[in-house]
Amino acid sequence: MEREVLKQVIRDQQEYRPPKNFYDRDLTNTVQGFIDDPSILIISGIRRSGKSTIQRLLQRELAKSDFYLNFDDERLVRFKVDHFQMLLEVLIETFGEQSTYYFDEIQNIEGWERFIRRLYEQDKKIYITGSNAKLLSKELGTHLTGRYIQFEVFPLSFKEIVRHNNPDLLCKKAHSTSDVGQILHLFSDYLVNGGVPEFVKFKKPEYLRDLFEGILYRDIIARYNINHEKPLREVVYSLASNIGKEFSYTKLSRAVGINSPNTISNYCSYLEQCYLFFFINRYSYSLKKQLQYNKKCYMIDPALIRTTGFRVSEDRGRLLENIVFLHLRQKTKEIYFHKEQKECDFIIREGNQIREAIQVTTHLSNEEVKKREINGLVEALRTYDLSEGLILTENEQDTIVHEGLKIKVLPIWKWLLSKT
């Protein structure tokens, strides 16, 4: 790593300008609340979800914030752990002594956590963004236990999109017919175009394809030295085409022509670490049984599902279920599905107890659908000793009392806007 090249990269990266008309993110205010906390602040999430924008906006608001470097730059491909001392010298030489450091994708450099610990022990304030959850948490957990706070950035939520387009809609206790029409229009758009900020703005399919290829090659194939990309692509294609459906590693390995279920398990782990897919277990009080049961998968963004999967866009119910999952996942990691004689889409655990059961469907106007959804929810409520459940539909609202149990029926859009 040449010193002059490093200087040039640093100078170039200082010329950042926030995107025009950028989205107000909920997480920005949350992170700002920890500015005076001595902990290292980690912001992780899928590529191009807005991590760097949040970080640079924080940087702009603080007085001493010149120490910034994005390691996801091809000119830093030869940067090694031995070069951190040079980096520190160049930063001080260029800007003078500072107390705050901002690093993007620093997990690309093996051994980075020791350098961060050195800065931390010198009472420096450190902000880090990264697109691989495991690489960040593994190294931090080994060398910086108890010294960091981690936040996750997802693509734009429906609430953030509504606030950006018409913030008055979020201030009203009751919505007029016109208001509801505007919200439904935005929701239909969200169901198709998702929440990846740049794609929402420009609607160019090439953007999503480039994002997907970047994740596949840079975050998985290159990082884990995968020699044959076709089987991995087949796994992605199969998962994206079967959102919300049960699968097992064994059956998926047969479907894509891979002999080893362990390889499938590894691929799924890689896909989850880079925030492209999420996997939930069928709930059991026995952890061993949970691991043996089938899983379900969900994807990070509705538009990426449409781009990657086969005909899944025709199944509106599965897309709605994916949107509900994404909202739940941003609030908790303790999400499961229930299955005994009947099925329930989501059950939420807090501590050692199941606190909530949720069904998702497009509508309840069909008696057969209504019976199936209610029966599945009721079985879950009785199994986990809950007195109230929730059914989320596209645009229905009601309260049902069934066998002494209270069931609320809400439109998904209203639930998304009302949840904090």
Foldseek 3Di string as FASTA:
>chain_A
DDLVLLLVQLVVVVPDDQDPLDFDDPVLVVVVVCPVPLFAEEEEEAPLQCRVNSVVVVLVPDDFRSAEHECPDVSCPVPEPVCVVSSVVSSCVVPNDGQEHEYEAQLVYPPSLVVVVVSSVVSGHYYYYHQFQCSVCVSCCVRPPPRHDYAYGAFDALQRVCCSVPVVLLVDPDDDPVSVVVSLVSVVLCLAQNGSPVCSVPVDPVVLVVSVVCCLVVQPCVVPVPPDCQLLLLLQQVQLQFALDWDALCVSCVVSVHPDSVVVVVSVSSCVRSQAKDKAFADDPDPVVRVVGTIGMAGRTSNNSVVRYDCVSVVSQSSLLNSVVNLVVSVDPQWHWYDDPATFRIWGDDDSATDATEHEGADPPDVVVVVRHVVRRVVVCVVRVHQEYEYEHQQDFDWDQDPNGIYTYHHSSVVSSVDD
